[in-house]
Amino acid sequence: MGLFRGCIDSQAPFIIQISRGRESTRNKRMLEAIIRTSEQIFPDSIYAVHLDHGDEETCYDCINSGFYSSVMIDASHEAFAKNVEITHRVVKAAHAKGISVEAELGMLAVWKRTSMSMSHHASLTKIPTKRRCL
C-alpha cells in the first residue's frame, strides 16, 4: 500500500513488475488480489502491471488473465531461431489482447553469482543477428 500512497502523493504513475521467480507467480492470485484491493483504496492511482522474464507458459497465463498490461518473454536460453519463434507466438497472443511485449532475444552476458565476473561460457548475441529480427 505504501507504493500506491507514495505515487498518489507524488502524482506519479508507476509500474508494478512481477518476476517469474520462485514465489512471485506461484502466488499470482494473491498478488492480483492485493493490487486490486489497493486500487479500490487508491482509485486515482495510475499504474501498469508487468510480468518480467516469463517463460512461454507464464506469459500466456498472464496474457489470458486480463490483469497484466505487458509481459516480457525470456527464451534467451534457447537457440536464437527458436527464441524468435517463441517470441513471435507470445507477441501474436499478447497483441490480440492489446498487451505489450518485451523480449530477451539473446544473452548479453552470463555472470557468475559468486565472483560477479563474466563466465567463459558467455553466449553473446551479435548486433547483426538482432537486427534481422527487428
C-alpha atoms as a PDB file:
ATOM      1  CA  MET A   1       0.000   0.000   0.000  1.00  0.00           C
ATOM      2  CA  GLY A   2       2.987   2.255   0.516  1.00  0.00           C
ATOM      3  CA  LEU A   3       3.712   2.132  -3.208  1.00  0.00           C
ATOM      4  CA  PHE A   4       0.201   3.310  -4.044  1.00  0.00           C
ATOM      5  CA  ARG A   5       0.235   6.015  -1.339  1.00  0.00           C
ATOM      6  CA  GLY A   6       3.648   7.324  -2.433  1.00  0.00           C
ATOM      7  CA  CYS A   7       2.664   7.511  -6.073  1.00  0.00           C
ATOM      8  CA  ILE A   8      -0.631   9.221  -5.282  1.00  0.00           C
ATOM      9  CA  ASP A   9       1.176  11.749  -3.070  1.00  0.00           C
ATOM     10  CA  SER A  10       3.754  12.447  -5.797  1.00  0.00           C
ATOM     11  CA  GLN A  11       1.145  12.297  -8.601  1.00  0.00           C
ATOM     12  CA  ALA A  12       3.303   9.793 -10.476  1.00  0.00           C
ATOM     13  CA  PRO A  13       2.174   6.801 -12.499  1.00  0.00           C
ATOM     14  CA  PHE A  14       4.066   3.590 -11.785  1.00  0.00           C
ATOM     15  CA  ILE A  15       4.722   0.052 -12.965  1.00  0.00           C
ATOM     16  CA  ILE A  16       4.286  -2.994 -10.754  1.00  0.00           C
ATOM     17  CA  GLN A  17       6.753  -5.556 -12.031  1.00  0.00           C
ATOM     18  CA  ILE A  18       6.230  -9.198 -11.118  1.00  0.00           C
ATOM     19  CA  SER A  19       9.065 -11.600 -11.829  1.00  0.00           C
ATOM     20  CA  ARG A  20       8.701 -15.246 -12.694  1.00  0.00           C
ATOM     21  CA  GLY A  21      10.617 -16.160  -9.581  1.00  0.00           C
ATOM     22  CA  ARG A  22      10.270 -18.973  -7.151  1.00  0.00           C
ATOM     23  CA  GLU A  23       7.384 -17.417  -5.238  1.00  0.00           C
ATOM     24  CA  SER A  24       6.123 -14.472  -7.294  1.00  0.00           C
ATOM     25  CA  THR A  25       3.962 -16.100  -9.927  1.00  0.00           C
ATOM     26  CA  ARG A  26       3.110 -19.152  -7.823  1.00  0.00           C
ATOM     27  CA  ASN A  27       1.011 -16.837  -5.646  1.00  0.00           C
ATOM     28  CA  LYS A  28      -0.254 -14.814  -8.611  1.00  0.00           C
ATOM     29  CA  ARG A  29      -3.886 -14.748  -7.464  1.00  0.00           C
ATOM     30  CA  MET A  30      -2.877 -13.346  -4.073  1.00  0.00           C
ATOM     31  CA  LEU A  31      -0.731 -10.636  -5.684  1.00  0.00           C
ATOM     32  CA  GLU A  32      -3.556  -9.720  -8.043  1.00  0.00           C
ATOM     33  CA  ALA A  33      -5.992  -9.502  -5.110  1.00  0.00           C
ATOM     34  CA  ILE A  34      -3.637  -7.226  -3.159  1.00  0.00           C
ATOM     35  CA  ILE A  35      -3.164  -4.965  -6.182  1.00  0.00           C
ATOM     36  CA  ARG A  36      -6.905  -4.848  -6.962  1.00  0.00           C
ATOM     37  CA  THR A  37      -7.705  -4.018  -3.334  1.00  0.00           C
ATOM     38  CA  SER A  38      -5.063  -1.265  -3.329  1.00  0.00           C
ATOM     39  CA  GLU A  39      -6.652   0.109  -6.487  1.00  0.00           C
ATOM     40  CA  GLN A  40     -10.010   0.320  -4.686  1.00  0.00           C
ATOM     41  CA  ILE A  41      -8.410   2.154  -1.756  1.00  0.00           C
ATOM     42  CA  PHE A  42      -6.460   4.473  -4.091  1.00  0.00           C
ATOM     43  CA  PRO A  43      -8.807   4.894  -7.094  1.00  0.00           C
ATOM     44  CA  ASP A  44      -6.783   7.797  -8.513  1.00  0.00           C
ATOM     45  CA  SER A  45      -3.685   5.656  -8.939  1.00  0.00           C
ATOM     46  CA  ILE A  46      -2.363   5.175 -12.460  1.00  0.00           C
ATOM     47  CA  TYR A  47      -0.315   2.022 -12.883  1.00  0.00           C
ATOM     48  CA  ALA A  48       0.572  -0.867 -15.152  1.00  0.00           C
ATOM     49  CA  VAL A  49       1.305  -4.483 -14.217  1.00  0.00           C
ATOM     50  CA  HIS A  50       4.262  -6.144 -15.984  1.00  0.00           C
ATOM     51  CA  LEU A  51       5.482  -9.746 -15.977  1.00  0.00           C
ATOM     52  CA  ASP A  52       9.281  -9.752 -16.063  1.00  0.00           C
ATOM     53  CA  HIS A  53      11.346 -12.624 -17.529  1.00  0.00           C
ATOM     54  CA  GLY A  54       8.468 -15.013 -18.072  1.00  0.00           C
ATOM     55  CA  ASP A  55       8.646 -18.309 -19.894  1.00  0.00           C
ATOM     56  CA  GLU A  56       6.133 -19.011 -22.668  1.00  0.00           C
ATOM     57  CA  GLU A  57       3.578 -20.733 -20.421  1.00  0.00           C
ATOM     58  CA  THR A  58       3.701 -17.984 -17.779  1.00  0.00           C
ATOM     59  CA  CYS A  59       3.336 -15.296 -20.457  1.00  0.00           C
ATOM     60  CA  TYR A  60       0.192 -16.974 -21.812  1.00  0.00           C
ATOM     61  CA  ASP A  61      -1.211 -17.297 -18.290  1.00  0.00           C
ATOM     62  CA  CYS A  62      -0.671 -13.582 -17.650  1.00  0.00           C
ATOM     63  CA  ILE A  63      -1.982 -12.571 -21.092  1.00  0.00           C
ATOM     64  CA  ASN A  64      -5.154 -14.607 -20.574  1.00  0.00           C
ATOM     65  CA  SER A  65      -5.685 -13.296 -17.034  1.00  0.00           C
ATOM     66  CA  GLY A  66      -6.708  -9.858 -18.328  1.00  0.00           C
ATOM     67  CA  PHE A  67      -4.758  -8.323 -15.454  1.00  0.00           C
ATOM     68  CA  TYR A  68      -1.347  -7.599 -16.987  1.00  0.00           C
ATOM     69  CA  SER A  69      -0.502  -4.573 -19.144  1.00  0.00           C
ATOM     70  CA  SER A  70       2.667  -6.111 -20.538  1.00  0.00           C
ATOM     71  CA  VAL A  71       4.778  -9.261 -20.462  1.00  0.00           C
ATOM     72  CA  MET A  72       8.450  -9.976 -21.036  1.00  0.00           C
ATOM     73  CA  ILE A  73       9.219 -13.277 -22.747  1.00  0.00           C
ATOM     74  CA  ASP A  74      12.668 -14.627 -21.942  1.00  0.00           C
ATOM     75  CA  ALA A  75      13.610 -17.524 -24.199  1.00  0.00           C
ATOM     76  CA  SER A  76      17.271 -16.477 -24.274  1.00  0.00           C
ATOM     77  CA  HIS A  77      18.323 -19.950 -23.130  1.00  0.00           C
ATOM     78  CA  GLU A  78      17.098 -21.296 -26.493  1.00  0.00           C
ATOM     79  CA  ALA A  79      18.913 -21.133 -29.830  1.00  0.00           C
ATOM     80  CA  PHE A  80      18.292 -17.771 -31.498  1.00  0.00           C
ATOM     81  CA  ALA A  81      15.883 -19.146 -34.158  1.00  0.00           C
ATOM     82  CA  LYS A  82      13.832 -20.994 -31.504  1.00  0.00           C
ATOM     83  CA  ASN A  83      13.833 -17.877 -29.314  1.00  0.00           C
ATOM     84  CA  VAL A  84      12.427 -15.806 -32.185  1.00  0.00           C
ATOM     85  CA  GLU A  85       9.785 -18.486 -32.887  1.00  0.00           C
ATOM     86  CA  ILE A  86       8.619 -18.492 -29.251  1.00  0.00           C
ATOM     87  CA  THR A  87       8.690 -14.692 -29.117  1.00  0.00           C
ATOM     88  CA  HIS A  88       6.516 -14.412 -32.235  1.00  0.00           C
ATOM     89  CA  ARG A  89       3.899 -16.738 -30.702  1.00  0.00           C
ATOM     90  CA  VAL A  90       3.787 -14.699 -27.482  1.00  0.00           C
ATOM     91  CA  VAL A  91       3.610 -11.405 -29.404  1.00  0.00           C
ATOM     92  CA  LYS A  92       0.703 -12.703 -31.500  1.00  0.00           C
ATOM     93  CA  ALA A  93      -1.253 -13.795 -28.404  1.00  0.00           C
ATOM     94  CA  ALA A  94      -0.480 -10.596 -26.480  1.00  0.00           C
ATOM     95  CA  HIS A  95      -1.219  -8.142 -29.274  1.00  0.00           C
ATOM     96  CA  ALA A  96      -4.578  -9.836 -29.880  1.00  0.00           C
ATOM     97  CA  LYS A  97      -5.495  -8.654 -26.363  1.00  0.00           C
ATOM     98  CA  GLY A  98      -3.829  -5.233 -26.523  1.00  0.00           C
ATOM     99  CA  ILE A  99      -0.880  -6.239 -24.322  1.00  0.00           C
ATOM    100  CA  SER A 100       2.674  -5.023 -24.944  1.00  0.00           C
ATOM    101  CA  VAL A 101       5.613  -7.445 -25.159  1.00  0.00           C
ATOM    102  CA  GLU A 102       9.273  -7.089 -24.278  1.00  0.00           C
ATOM    103  CA  ALA A 103      11.617  -9.872 -25.401  1.00  0.00           C
ATOM    104  CA  GLU A 104      15.065 -11.148 -24.464  1.00  0.00           C
ATOM    105  CA  LEU A 105      16.354 -12.034 -27.935  1.00  0.00           C
ATOM    106  CA  GLY A 106      19.746 -13.223 -26.763  1.00  0.00           C
ATOM    107  CA  MET A 107      22.118 -13.145 -23.865  1.00  0.00           C
ATOM    108  CA  LEU A 108      24.147 -10.059 -23.267  1.00  0.00           C
ATOM    109  CA  ALA A 109      26.383 -11.943 -20.866  1.00  0.00           C
ATOM    110  CA  VAL A 110      26.317 -14.709 -18.309  1.00  0.00           C
ATOM    111  CA  TRP A 111      27.554 -13.709 -14.880  1.00  0.00           C
ATOM    112  CA  LYS A 112      28.770 -15.986 -12.133  1.00  0.00           C
ATOM    113  CA  ARG A 113      26.940 -15.136  -8.949  1.00  0.00           C
ATOM    114  CA  THR A 114      29.936 -15.960  -6.778  1.00  0.00           C
ATOM    115  CA  SER A 115      32.513 -13.644  -8.286  1.00  0.00           C
ATOM    116  CA  MET A 116      30.352 -11.265 -10.344  1.00  0.00           C
ATOM    117  CA  SER A 117      32.693 -11.787 -13.289  1.00  0.00           C
ATOM    118  CA  MET A 118      31.695 -12.771 -16.795  1.00  0.00           C
ATOM    119  CA  SER A 119      31.720 -16.514 -17.310  1.00  0.00           C
ATOM    120  CA  HIS A 120      33.896 -18.007 -20.014  1.00  0.00           C
ATOM    121  CA  HIS A 121      30.669 -19.667 -21.182  1.00  0.00           C
ATOM    122  CA  ALA A 122      29.043 -16.325 -22.024  1.00  0.00           C
ATOM    123  CA  SER A 123      26.857 -16.504 -25.103  1.00  0.00           C
ATOM    124  CA  LEU A 124      26.731 -13.036 -26.595  1.00  0.00           C
ATOM    125  CA  THR A 125      24.227 -12.116 -29.289  1.00  0.00           C
ATOM    126  CA  LYS A 126      25.765 -10.189 -32.138  1.00  0.00           C
ATOM    127  CA  ILE A 127      24.073  -6.945 -33.196  1.00  0.00           C
ATOM    128  CA  PRO A 128      23.516  -8.031 -36.864  1.00  0.00           C
ATOM    129  CA  THR A 129      21.609 -11.078 -35.589  1.00  0.00           C
ATOM    130  CA  LYS A 130      19.276  -8.904 -33.517  1.00  0.00           C
ATOM    131  CA  ARG A 131      18.718  -6.539 -36.431  1.00  0.00           C
ATOM    132  CA  ARG A 132      17.403  -9.436 -38.557  1.00  0.00           C
ATOM    133  CA  CYS A 133      14.657  -9.989 -36.002  1.00  0.00           C
ATOM    134  CA  LEU A 134      13.639  -6.359 -35.772  1.00  0.00           C
END
